[in-house]
C-alpha atoms as a PDB file:
ATOM      1  CA  UNK A   1       9.607 148.851-118.291  1.00  0.00           C
ATOM      2  CA  UNK A   2       7.129 146.149-119.261  1.00  0.00           C
ATOM      3  CA  UNK A   3       6.759 142.908-117.315  1.00  0.00           C
ATOM      4  CA  UNK A   4       7.022 139.738-119.350  1.00  0.00           C
ATOM      5  CA  UNK A   5       4.702 136.759-119.031  1.00  0.00           C
ATOM      6  CA  UNK A   6       6.452 134.068-121.048  1.00  0.00           C
ATOM      7  CA  UNK A   7       5.301 130.803-122.557  1.00  0.00           C
ATOM      8  CA  UNK A   8       8.344 128.669-123.409  1.00  0.00           C
ATOM      9  CA  UNK A   9       8.162 126.059-126.181  1.00  0.00           C
ATOM     10  CA  UNK A  10      10.821 123.381-126.634  1.00  0.00           C
ATOM     11  CA  UNK A  11      11.606 119.691-126.345  1.00  0.00           C
ATOM     12  CA  UNK A  12      15.273 118.487-126.210  1.00  0.00           C
ATOM     13  CA  UNK A  13      18.229 119.088-123.875  1.00  0.00           C
ATOM     14  CA  UNK A  14      19.340 122.111-125.905  1.00  0.00           C
ATOM     15  CA  UNK A  15      16.062 123.833-125.020  1.00  0.00           C
ATOM     16  CA  UNK A  16      16.450 122.963-121.323  1.00  0.00           C
ATOM     17  CA  UNK A  17      19.654 124.994-121.114  1.00  0.00           C
ATOM     18  CA  UNK A  18      17.806 128.055-122.426  1.00  0.00           C
ATOM     19  CA  UNK A  19      14.740 127.552-120.214  1.00  0.00           C
ATOM     20  CA  UNK A  20      16.967 127.179-117.158  1.00  0.00           C
ATOM     21  CA  UNK A  21      18.713 130.469-117.953  1.00  0.00           C
ATOM     22  CA  UNK A  22      15.341 132.252-118.256  1.00  0.00           C
ATOM     23  CA  UNK A  23      14.146 130.812-114.927  1.00  0.00           C
ATOM     24  CA  UNK A  24      17.383 131.714-113.125  1.00  0.00           C
ATOM     25  CA  UNK A  25      17.149 135.268-114.470  1.00  0.00           C
ATOM     26  CA  UNK A  26      13.813 135.493-112.596  1.00  0.00           C
ATOM     27  CA  UNK A  27      11.623 136.022-115.641  1.00  0.00           C
ATOM     28  CA  UNK A  28       8.010 134.909-115.225  1.00  0.00           C
ATOM     29  CA  UNK A  29       7.248 131.629-117.011  1.00  0.00           C
ATOM     30  CA  UNK A  30       3.468 131.145-117.126  1.00  0.00           C
ATOM     31  CA  UNK A  31       3.606 127.897-119.094  1.00  0.00           C
ATOM     32  CA  UNK A  32       5.768 125.400-120.956  1.00  0.00           C
ATOM     33  CA  UNK A  33       4.711 123.705-124.199  1.00  0.00           C
ATOM     34  CA  UNK A  34       6.542 120.529-125.134  1.00  0.00           C
ATOM     35  CA  UNK A  35       6.114 117.317-127.114  1.00  0.00           C
ATOM     36  CA  UNK A  36       3.735 114.566-125.939  1.00  0.00           C
ATOM     37  CA  UNK A  37       5.280 111.609-124.099  1.00  0.00           C
ATOM     38  CA  UNK A  38       6.418 109.012-126.599  1.00  0.00           C
ATOM     39  CA  UNK A  39       7.063 105.253-126.247  1.00  0.00           C
ATOM     40  CA  UNK A  40      10.702 104.275-126.655  1.00  0.00           C
ATOM     41  CA  UNK A  41      13.095 101.420-125.923  1.00  0.00           C
ATOM     42  CA  UNK A  42      12.437  97.703-125.941  1.00  0.00           C
ATOM     43  CA  UNK A  43       9.671  97.958-123.366  1.00  0.00           C
ATOM     44  CA  UNK A  44       8.017 100.848-125.264  1.00  0.00           C
ATOM     45  CA  UNK A  45       7.900 102.781-121.991  1.00  0.00           C
ATOM     46  CA  UNK A  46       6.529 106.314-122.283  1.00  0.00           C
ATOM     47  CA  UNK A  47       9.406 108.765-122.344  1.00  0.00           C
ATOM     48  CA  UNK A  48       9.040 112.381-121.222  1.00  0.00           C
ATOM     49  CA  UNK A  49      10.888 115.144-123.077  1.00  0.00           C
ATOM     50  CA  UNK A  50      13.880 116.789-121.432  1.00  0.00           C
ATOM     51  CA  UNK A  51      11.912 120.040-121.237  1.00  0.00           C
ATOM     52  CA  UNK A  52       8.961 118.333-119.526  1.00  0.00           C
ATOM     53  CA  UNK A  53      11.247 116.791-116.908  1.00  0.00           C
ATOM     54  CA  UNK A  54      12.760 120.208-116.181  1.00  0.00           C
ATOM     55  CA  UNK A  55       9.340 121.902-116.039  1.00  0.00           C
ATOM     56  CA  UNK A  56       7.997 119.279-113.629  1.00  0.00           C
ATOM     57  CA  UNK A  57      11.039 119.615-111.371  1.00  0.00           C
ATOM     58  CA  UNK A  58      10.553 123.386-111.257  1.00  0.00           C
ATOM     59  CA  UNK A  59       6.773 123.459-110.852  1.00  0.00           C
ATOM     60  CA  UNK A  60       6.035 125.055-114.229  1.00  0.00           C
ATOM     61  CA  UNK A  61       2.615 124.525-115.893  1.00  0.00           C
ATOM     62  CA  UNK A  62       2.910 122.129-118.857  1.00  0.00           C
ATOM     63  CA  UNK A  63       0.947 121.716-122.082  1.00  0.00           C
ATOM     64  CA  UNK A  64       1.629 118.730-124.392  1.00  0.00           C
ATOM     65  CA  UNK A  65      -0.551 119.155-127.487  1.00  0.00           C
ATOM     66  CA  UNK A  66      -0.658 116.541-130.227  1.00  0.00           C
ATOM     67  CA  UNK A  67      -2.298 119.075-132.550  1.00  0.00           C
ATOM     68  CA  UNK A  68      -1.147 122.685-132.368  1.00  0.00           C
ATOM     69  CA  UNK A  69      -4.277 123.818-134.246  1.00  0.00           C
ATOM     70  CA  UNK A  70      -6.810 122.144-131.960  1.00  0.00           C
ATOM     71  CA  UNK A  71      -9.372 124.387-130.304  1.00  0.00           C
ATOM     72  CA  UNK A  72      -8.659 122.870-126.878  1.00  0.00           C
ATOM     73  CA  UNK A  73      -4.946 123.659-127.090  1.00  0.00           C
ATOM     74  CA  UNK A  74      -5.498 127.187-128.412  1.00  0.00           C
ATOM     75  CA  UNK A  75      -7.968 127.816-125.565  1.00  0.00           C
ATOM     76  CA  UNK A  76      -5.523 126.477-122.939  1.00  0.00           C
ATOM     77  CA  UNK A  77      -2.682 128.521-124.427  1.00  0.00           C
ATOM     78  CA  UNK A  78      -4.736 131.715-124.453  1.00  0.00           C
ATOM     79  CA  UNK A  79      -5.759 131.183-120.818  1.00  0.00           C
ATOM     80  CA  UNK A  80      -2.095 131.347-119.777  1.00  0.00           C
ATOM     81  CA  UNK A  81      -2.339 135.046-120.645  1.00  0.00           C
ATOM     82  CA  UNK A  82       1.241 135.281-121.944  1.00  0.00           C
ATOM     83  CA  UNK A  83       2.454 138.428-123.671  1.00  0.00           C
ATOM     84  CA  UNK A  84       5.535 136.735-125.216  1.00  0.00           C
ATOM     85  CA  UNK A  85       6.444 133.264-126.474  1.00  0.00           C
ATOM     86  CA  UNK A  86       9.997 131.919-126.672  1.00  0.00           C
ATOM     87  CA  UNK A  87      10.645 128.922-128.919  1.00  0.00           C
ATOM     88  CA  UNK A  88      13.765 126.722-128.886  1.00  0.00           C
ATOM     89  CA  UNK A  89      14.023 123.436-130.829  1.00  0.00           C
ATOM     90  CA  UNK A  90      10.283 122.852-131.231  1.00  0.00           C
ATOM     91  CA  UNK A  91       7.859 122.249-134.083  1.00  0.00           C
ATOM     92  CA  UNK A  92       6.705 124.637-136.779  1.00  0.00           C
ATOM     93  CA  UNK A  93       3.952 126.777-135.250  1.00  0.00           C
ATOM     94  CA  UNK A  94       0.656 127.641-136.928  1.00  0.00           C
ATOM     95  CA  UNK A  95      -0.131 131.343-137.294  1.00  0.00           C
ATOM     96  CA  UNK A  96      -2.859 131.116-134.641  1.00  0.00           C
ATOM     97  CA  UNK A  97      -0.148 130.225-132.113  1.00  0.00           C
ATOM     98  CA  UNK A  98       2.761 132.493-133.021  1.00  0.00           C
ATOM     99  CA  UNK A  99       0.665 135.612-133.454  1.00  0.00           C
ATOM    100  CA  UNK A 100      -1.257 135.130-130.189  1.00  0.00           C
ATOM    101  CA  UNK A 101       0.881 137.080-127.668  1.00  0.00           C
ATOM    102  CA  UNK A 102       0.956 140.877-127.709  1.00  0.00           C
ATOM    103  CA  UNK A 103       4.762 141.067-127.954  1.00  0.00           C
ATOM    104  CA  UNK A 104       5.091 138.271-130.509  1.00  0.00           C
ATOM    105  CA  UNK A 105       6.923 134.949-130.604  1.00  0.00           C
ATOM    106  CA  UNK A 106      10.660 134.690-131.067  1.00  0.00           C
ATOM    107  CA  UNK A 107      12.818 131.672-131.824  1.00  0.00           C
ATOM    108  CA  UNK A 108      16.419 130.820-131.008  1.00  0.00           C
ATOM    109  CA  UNK A 109      18.156 129.068-133.907  1.00  0.00           C
ATOM    110  CA  UNK A 110      21.626 127.515-133.682  1.00  0.00           C
ATOM    111  CA  UNK A 111      23.123 129.119-136.779  1.00  0.00           C
ATOM    112  CA  UNK A 112      23.905 132.517-138.246  1.00  0.00           C
ATOM    113  CA  UNK A 113      20.740 132.936-140.280  1.00  0.00           C
ATOM    114  CA  UNK A 114      19.878 133.021-143.109  1.00  0.00           C
ATOM    115  CA  UNK A 115      22.422 130.191-143.567  1.00  0.00           C
ATOM    116  CA  UNK A 116      21.552 126.775-142.157  1.00  0.00           C
ATOM    117  CA  UNK A 117      17.821 127.122-141.871  1.00  0.00           C
ATOM    118  CA  UNK A 118      16.317 123.780-140.956  1.00  0.00           C
ATOM    119  CA  UNK A 119      16.362 120.920-138.478  1.00  0.00           C
ATOM    120  CA  UNK A 120      20.077 120.169-138.025  1.00  0.00           C
ATOM    121  CA  UNK A 121      22.181 123.366-138.182  1.00  0.00           C
ATOM    122  CA  UNK A 122      24.824 122.219-135.684  1.00  0.00           C
ATOM    123  CA  UNK A 123      25.518 118.987-137.571  1.00  0.00           C
ATOM    124  CA  UNK A 124      25.627 120.548-141.031  1.00  0.00           C
ATOM    125  CA  UNK A 125      27.941 123.393-140.042  1.00  0.00           C
ATOM    126  CA  UNK A 126      30.589 120.832-139.038  1.00  0.00           C
ATOM    127  CA  UNK A 127      29.849 118.420-141.895  1.00  0.00           C
ATOM    128  CA  UNK A 128      30.413 121.279-144.340  1.00  0.00           C
ATOM    129  CA  UNK A 129      33.732 122.232-142.748  1.00  0.00           C
ATOM    130  CA  UNK A 130      32.650 125.641-141.448  1.00  0.00           C
ATOM    131  CA  UNK A 131      35.026 127.444-139.091  1.00  0.00           C
ATOM    132  CA  UNK A 132      32.384 129.778-137.640  1.00  0.00           C
ATOM    133  CA  UNK A 133      28.776 129.451-136.545  1.00  0.00           C
ATOM    134  CA  UNK A 134      26.580 131.065-133.933  1.00  0.00           C
ATOM    135  CA  UNK A 135      23.031 131.666-132.776  1.00  0.00           C
ATOM    136  CA  UNK A 136      20.209 133.894-133.967  1.00  0.00           C
ATOM    137  CA  UNK A 137      17.048 135.146-132.300  1.00  0.00           C
ATOM    138  CA  UNK A 138      14.261 136.160-134.662  1.00  0.00           C
ATOM    139  CA  UNK A 139      10.529 136.756-134.694  1.00  0.00           C
ATOM    140  CA  UNK A 140       8.617 133.815-136.172  1.00  0.00           C
ATOM    141  CA  UNK A 141       6.629 134.270-139.373  1.00  0.00           C
ATOM    142  CA  UNK A 142       4.816 131.968-141.826  1.00  0.00           C
ATOM    143  CA  UNK A 143       7.909 130.118-143.077  1.00  0.00           C
ATOM    144  CA  UNK A 144      10.692 128.141-141.379  1.00  0.00           C
ATOM    145  CA  UNK A 145      13.536 130.239-139.882  1.00  0.00           C
ATOM    146  CA  UNK A 146      12.837 133.232-142.130  1.00  0.00           C
ATOM    147  CA  UNK A 147      11.582 135.909-139.716  1.00  0.00           C
ATOM    148  CA  UNK A 148      13.115 139.280-138.841  1.00  0.00           C
ATOM    149  CA  UNK A 149      16.407 138.919-136.952  1.00  0.00           C
ATOM    150  CA  UNK A 150      16.630 140.450-133.480  1.00  0.00           C
ATOM    151  CA  UNK A 151      20.275 139.634-132.711  1.00  0.00           C
ATOM    152  CA  UNK A 152      23.105 137.233-133.530  1.00  0.00           C
ATOM    153  CA  UNK A 153      26.145 135.968-131.639  1.00  0.00           C
ATOM    154  CA  UNK A 154      29.088 134.351-133.428  1.00  0.00           C
ATOM    155  CA  UNK A 155      31.356 131.508-132.292  1.00  0.00           C
ATOM    156  CA  UNK A 156      34.413 129.735-133.741  1.00  0.00           C
ATOM    157  CA  UNK A 157      34.107 126.020-134.516  1.00  0.00           C
ATOM    158  CA  UNK A 158      37.185 124.280-133.137  1.00  0.00           C
ATOM    159  CA  UNK A 159      39.190 122.218-135.622  1.00  0.00           C
ATOM    160  CA  UNK A 160      38.650 118.881-133.891  1.00  0.00           C
ATOM    161  CA  UNK A 161      35.334 119.300-132.062  1.00  0.00           C
ATOM    162  CA  UNK A 162      32.260 117.231-132.753  1.00  0.00           C
ATOM    163  CA  UNK A 163      28.568 118.083-132.846  1.00  0.00           C
ATOM    164  CA  UNK A 164      28.146 117.180-129.176  1.00  0.00           C
ATOM    165  CA  UNK A 165      30.782 119.659-128.048  1.00  0.00           C
ATOM    166  CA  UNK A 166      29.490 122.410-130.330  1.00  0.00           C
ATOM    167  CA  UNK A 167      25.918 121.740-129.161  1.00  0.00           C
ATOM    168  CA  UNK A 168      26.927 122.355-125.543  1.00  0.00           C
ATOM    169  CA  UNK A 169      28.848 125.545-126.320  1.00  0.00           C
ATOM    170  CA  UNK A 170      26.043 126.911-128.497  1.00  0.00           C
ATOM    171  CA  UNK A 171      23.540 126.195-125.726  1.00  0.00           C
ATOM    172  CA  UNK A 172      25.505 128.511-123.410  1.00  0.00           C
ATOM    173  CA  UNK A 173      25.823 131.152-126.136  1.00  0.00           C
ATOM    174  CA  UNK A 174      22.128 130.733-126.965  1.00  0.00           C
ATOM    175  CA  UNK A 175      21.134 131.330-123.354  1.00  0.00           C
ATOM    176  CA  UNK A 176      23.039 134.625-123.405  1.00  0.00           C
ATOM    177  CA  UNK A 177      21.364 135.594-126.687  1.00  0.00           C
ATOM    178  CA  UNK A 178      17.870 134.841-125.353  1.00  0.00           C
ATOM    179  CA  UNK A 179      18.439 136.799-122.135  1.00  0.00           C
ATOM    180  CA  UNK A 180      19.751 139.761-124.124  1.00  0.00           C
ATOM    181  CA  UNK A 181      16.725 139.528-126.435  1.00  0.00           C
ATOM    182  CA  UNK A 182      14.380 139.530-123.440  1.00  0.00           C
ATOM    183  CA  UNK A 183      16.179 142.593-122.097  1.00  0.00           C
ATOM    184  CA  UNK A 184      15.700 144.434-125.373  1.00  0.00           C
ATOM    185  CA  UNK A 185      12.005 143.547-125.477  1.00  0.00           C
ATOM    186  CA  UNK A 186      11.513 144.750-121.895  1.00  0.00           C
ATOM    187  CA  UNK A 187      13.263 148.020-122.714  1.00  0.00           C
ATOM    188  CA  UNK A 188      11.387 148.426-126.001  1.00  0.00           C
ATOM    189  CA  UNK A 189      14.768 148.585-127.716  1.00  0.00           C
ATOM    190  CA  UNK A 190      14.246 146.487-130.848  1.00  0.00           C
ATOM    191  CA  UNK A 191      15.883 147.096-134.196  1.00  0.00           C
ATOM    192  CA  UNK A 192      15.193 144.006-136.292  1.00  0.00           C
ATOM    193  CA  UNK A 193      16.773 143.078-139.624  1.00  0.00           C
ATOM    194  CA  UNK A 194      14.861 141.437-142.466  1.00  0.00           C
ATOM    195  CA  UNK A 195      16.571 138.252-143.673  1.00  0.00           C
ATOM    196  CA  UNK A 196      17.856 138.195-147.231  1.00  0.00           C
ATOM    197  CA  UNK A 197      17.189 135.070-149.276  1.00  0.00           C
ATOM    198  CA  UNK A 198      19.589 134.145-152.069  1.00  0.00           C
ATOM    199  CA  UNK A 199      19.971 131.043-154.196  1.00  0.00           C
ATOM    200  CA  UNK A 200      23.299 130.055-152.612  1.00  0.00           C
ATOM    201  CA  UNK A 201      22.118 129.828-148.989  1.00  0.00           C
ATOM    202  CA  UNK A 202      23.361 126.775-147.085  1.00  0.00           C
ATOM    203  CA  UNK A 203      20.604 124.623-145.618  1.00  0.00           C
ATOM    204  CA  UNK A 204      20.354 122.233-142.676  1.00  0.00           C
ATOM    205  CA  UNK A 205      18.090 119.436-143.861  1.00  0.00           C
ATOM    206  CA  UNK A 206      16.845 116.840-141.419  1.00  0.00           C
ATOM    207  CA  UNK A 207      19.385 114.023-141.135  1.00  0.00           C
ATOM    208  CA  UNK A 208      18.274 110.532-142.140  1.00  0.00           C
ATOM    209  CA  UNK A 209      20.020 107.175-141.859  1.00  0.00           C
ATOM    210  CA  UNK A 210      21.309 107.296-145.431  1.00  0.00           C
ATOM    211  CA  UNK A 211      22.736 110.774-144.796  1.00  0.00           C
ATOM    212  CA  UNK A 212      25.050 109.110-142.272  1.00  0.00           C
ATOM    213  CA  UNK A 213      26.534 106.390-144.517  1.00  0.00           C
ATOM    214  CA  UNK A 214      30.181 107.153-145.281  1.00  0.00           C
ATOM    215  CA  UNK A 215      31.319 107.349-148.898  1.00  0.00           C
ATOM    216  CA  UNK A 216      34.968 106.326-148.692  1.00  0.00           C
ATOM    217  CA  UNK A 217      35.636 107.846-152.120  1.00  0.00           C
ATOM    218  CA  UNK A 218      35.304 111.351-150.688  1.00  0.00           C
ATOM    219  CA  UNK A 219      38.453 113.314-149.797  1.00  0.00           C
ATOM    220  CA  UNK A 220      40.059 112.930-146.373  1.00  0.00           C
ATOM    221  CA  UNK A 221      38.805 116.203-144.898  1.00  0.00           C
ATOM    222  CA  UNK A 222      35.230 115.652-146.110  1.00  0.00           C
ATOM    223  CA  UNK A 223      34.972 112.273-144.374  1.00  0.00           C
ATOM    224  CA  UNK A 224      36.684 113.580-141.229  1.00  0.00           C
ATOM    225  CA  UNK A 225      34.232 116.492-140.998  1.00  0.00           C
ATOM    226  CA  UNK A 226      31.258 114.229-141.665  1.00  0.00           C
ATOM    227  CA  UNK A 227      32.205 111.869-138.825  1.00  0.00           C
ATOM    228  CA  UNK A 228      32.633 114.627-136.244  1.00  0.00           C
ATOM    229  CA  UNK A 229      29.521 116.419-137.528  1.00  0.00           C
ATOM    230  CA  UNK A 230      27.427 113.311-136.808  1.00  0.00           C
ATOM    231  CA  UNK A 231      29.012 112.457-133.450  1.00  0.00           C
ATOM    232  CA  UNK A 232      27.750 111.509-130.936  1.00  0.00           C
ATOM    233  CA  UNK A 233      24.332 111.322-132.574  1.00  0.00           C
ATOM    234  CA  UNK A 234      23.155 109.874-134.877  1.00  0.00           C
ATOM    235  CA  UNK A 235      26.725 108.757-135.840  1.00  0.00           C
ATOM    236  CA  UNK A 236      28.335 108.107-139.199  1.00  0.00           C
ATOM    237  CA  UNK A 237      28.352 104.467-140.225  1.00  0.00           C
ATOM    238  CA  UNK A 238      29.819 102.040-142.719  1.00  0.00           C
ATOM    239  CA  UNK A 239      29.799  98.333-143.462  1.00  0.00           C
ATOM    240  CA  UNK A 240      32.773  96.310-142.268  1.00  0.00           C
ATOM    241  CA  UNK A 241      33.528  93.485-144.708  1.00  0.00           C
ATOM    242  CA  UNK A 242      35.579  90.814-142.914  1.00  0.00           C
ATOM    243  CA  UNK A 243      35.878  87.564-144.886  1.00  0.00           C
ATOM    244  CA  UNK A 244      32.245  86.418-145.302  1.00  0.00           C
ATOM    245  CA  UNK A 245      30.925  88.635-142.512  1.00  0.00           C
ATOM    246  CA  UNK A 246      29.269  92.010-143.046  1.00  0.00           C
ATOM    247  CA  UNK A 247      28.733  94.168-139.964  1.00  0.00           C
ATOM    248  CA  UNK A 248      27.552  97.744-139.541  1.00  0.00           C
ATOM    249  CA  UNK A 249      30.122  99.855-137.726  1.00  0.00           C
ATOM    250  CA  UNK A 250      29.433 103.313-136.332  1.00  0.00           C
ATOM    251  CA  UNK A 251      32.415 105.652-136.217  1.00  0.00           C
ATOM    252  CA  UNK A 252      32.425 108.378-133.567  1.00  0.00           C
ATOM    253  CA  UNK A 253      35.969 109.706-133.477  1.00  0.00           C
ATOM    254  CA  UNK A 254      38.954 109.676-135.831  1.00  0.00           C
ATOM    255  CA  UNK A 255      42.194 111.506-136.493  1.00  0.00           C
ATOM    256  CA  UNK A 256      43.476 112.282-139.961  1.00  0.00           C
ATOM    257  CA  UNK A 257      46.793 111.748-141.703  1.00  0.00           C
ATOM    258  CA  UNK A 258      47.427 113.436-145.020  1.00  0.00           C
ATOM    259  CA  UNK A 259      49.686 111.334-147.243  1.00  0.00           C
ATOM    260  CA  UNK A 260      49.975 109.803-150.689  1.00  0.00           C
ATOM    261  CA  UNK A 261      49.265 106.119-151.244  1.00  0.00           C
ATOM    262  CA  UNK A 262      48.047 103.754-153.939  1.00  0.00           C
ATOM    263  CA  UNK A 263      45.616 101.729-151.816  1.00  0.00           C
ATOM    264  CA  UNK A 264      41.958 101.318-152.706  1.00  0.00           C
ATOM    265  CA  UNK A 265      39.645 103.610-150.727  1.00  0.00           C
ATOM    266  CA  UNK A 266      38.215 101.810-147.689  1.00  0.00           C
ATOM    267  CA  UNK A 267      41.203  99.471-147.286  1.00  0.00           C
ATOM    268  CA  UNK A 268      42.076  98.797-143.633  1.00  0.00           C
ATOM    269  CA  UNK A 269      45.649  98.924-142.359  1.00  0.00           C
ATOM    270  CA  UNK A 270      45.915  97.590-138.811  1.00  0.00           C
ATOM    271  CA  UNK A 271      48.088  96.090-136.098  1.00  0.00           C
ATOM    272  CA  UNK A 272      47.342  95.296-132.432  1.00  0.00           C
ATOM    273  CA  UNK A 273      46.951  98.951-131.481  1.00  0.00           C
ATOM    274  CA  UNK A 274      45.489 100.863-134.396  1.00  0.00           C
ATOM    275  CA  UNK A 275      43.303 100.747-137.479  1.00  0.00           C
ATOM    276  CA  UNK A 276      43.542 103.248-140.261  1.00  0.00           C
ATOM    277  CA  UNK A 277      41.376 103.531-143.358  1.00  0.00           C
ATOM    278  CA  UNK A 278      42.796 104.445-146.745  1.00  0.00           C
ATOM    279  CA  UNK A 279      40.959 107.362-148.372  1.00  0.00           C
ATOM    280  CA  UNK A 280      41.665 109.879-151.083  1.00  0.00           C
ATOM    281  CA  UNK A 281      44.863 111.804-150.165  1.00  0.00           C
ATOM    282  CA  UNK A 282      45.415 110.144-146.787  1.00  0.00           C
ATOM    283  CA  UNK A 283      44.289 107.904-143.958  1.00  0.00           C
ATOM    284  CA  UNK A 284      41.694 108.156-141.219  1.00  0.00           C
ATOM    285  CA  UNK A 285      42.773 106.611-137.904  1.00  0.00           C
ATOM    286  CA  UNK A 286      39.786 105.056-136.135  1.00  0.00           C
ATOM    287  CA  UNK A 287      39.688 106.031-132.445  1.00  0.00           C
ATOM    288  CA  UNK A 288      36.178 105.315-131.152  1.00  0.00           C
ATOM    289  CA  UNK A 289      33.699 102.959-132.821  1.00  0.00           C
ATOM    290  CA  UNK A 290      30.727 100.699-132.198  1.00  0.00           C
ATOM    291  CA  UNK A 291      29.945  97.393-133.877  1.00  0.00           C
ATOM    292  CA  UNK A 292      26.305  96.511-134.395  1.00  0.00           C
ATOM    293  CA  UNK A 293      24.897  95.054-131.169  1.00  0.00           C
ATOM    294  CA  UNK A 294      27.979  96.018-129.140  1.00  0.00           C
ATOM    295  CA  UNK A 295      28.889  98.928-126.880  1.00  0.00           C
ATOM    296  CA  UNK A 296      30.851 101.970-127.989  1.00  0.00           C
ATOM    297  CA  UNK A 297      34.576 101.299-127.527  1.00  0.00           C
ATOM    298  CA  UNK A 298      38.048 102.563-128.328  1.00  0.00           C
ATOM    299  CA  UNK A 299      39.878 100.885-131.179  1.00  0.00           C
ATOM    300  CA  UNK A 300      42.285  98.918-128.932  1.00  0.00           C
ATOM    301  CA  UNK A 301      39.338  97.209-127.223  1.00  0.00           C
ATOM    302  CA  UNK A 302      37.832  96.529-130.632  1.00  0.00           C
ATOM    303  CA  UNK A 303      41.023  94.866-131.843  1.00  0.00           C
ATOM    304  CA  UNK A 304      41.234  92.721-128.708  1.00  0.00           C
ATOM    305  CA  UNK A 305      37.862  91.170-129.478  1.00  0.00           C
ATOM    306  CA  UNK A 306      37.852  91.113-133.275  1.00  0.00           C
ATOM    307  CA  UNK A 307      39.902  89.061-135.712  1.00  0.00           C
ATOM    308  CA  UNK A 308      40.353  91.086-138.875  1.00  0.00           C
ATOM    309  CA  UNK A 309      41.353  89.325-142.087  1.00  0.00           C
ATOM    310  CA  UNK A 310      44.087  90.829-144.253  1.00  0.00           C
ATOM    311  CA  UNK A 311      41.422  91.703-146.843  1.00  0.00           C
ATOM    312  CA  UNK A 312      39.061  93.410-144.384  1.00  0.00           C
ATOM    313  CA  UNK A 313      37.741  96.727-145.656  1.00  0.00           C
ATOM    314  CA  UNK A 314      35.001  99.316-145.193  1.00  0.00           C
ATOM    315  CA  UNK A 315      32.424 100.096-147.822  1.00  0.00           C
END
């Protein structure tokens, strides 16, 4: 039975859940690599990554390189004397980093590879209307999310859940997958599978602002899935046209109603308690929204503070 000396690499909350599981399982963490502190907010205050905050609270050594190829970082990393590196939601690693430890470097990815390689697998699985997803551990190689698979765990996507809910459930599943992977490495019980690459693989491109703008000409289910796949972050958005005013509105939660109608897509039907949007083959009922410059609110609160004209619409 070999003893592991692990360097963990990660940045966001998703990675914290995995790191915490490794620590609580009493594996030896000799160092944590995370993103440099970055200015954010109106005051441009330096903000520490979620992983850094966890590492500090638990007394774990921290490295925050700006350049993963720099000689200083490579020297500091080598001095940690790790024999395994575990990567969760971090940057693409240069070969000098991922090939450094004796037992290799493995990554946890929040999809059933080879589908949904890329930066936003949780979002795109929901946006594309998938009913199943999962997590994969694999050894890192020269390309992004292409290395030999160690193990996979599958999970159903619930019909009405959003990316936030799926993120949290996959974090728990991912922790189990990483601990099982560590167990196999300790036991020397590895039977990896080479990923197949075909032309019809689904990808998980990085999400940009324009990715999030709603096209109201899409079918009901497509828009519904897009909204929940982008909630709570970064959030699907549209422009609310209300008389001469144009306001950006983010939409976080809706329900859907399949029905026939002859209304133009984007038309708003509303009373004092609800707003629904006409789309192809039905209506989307707005439940939780946010107007530009305002707080997130339910639709009743929105209606209490907003006078909609009879010609108001989304576009």
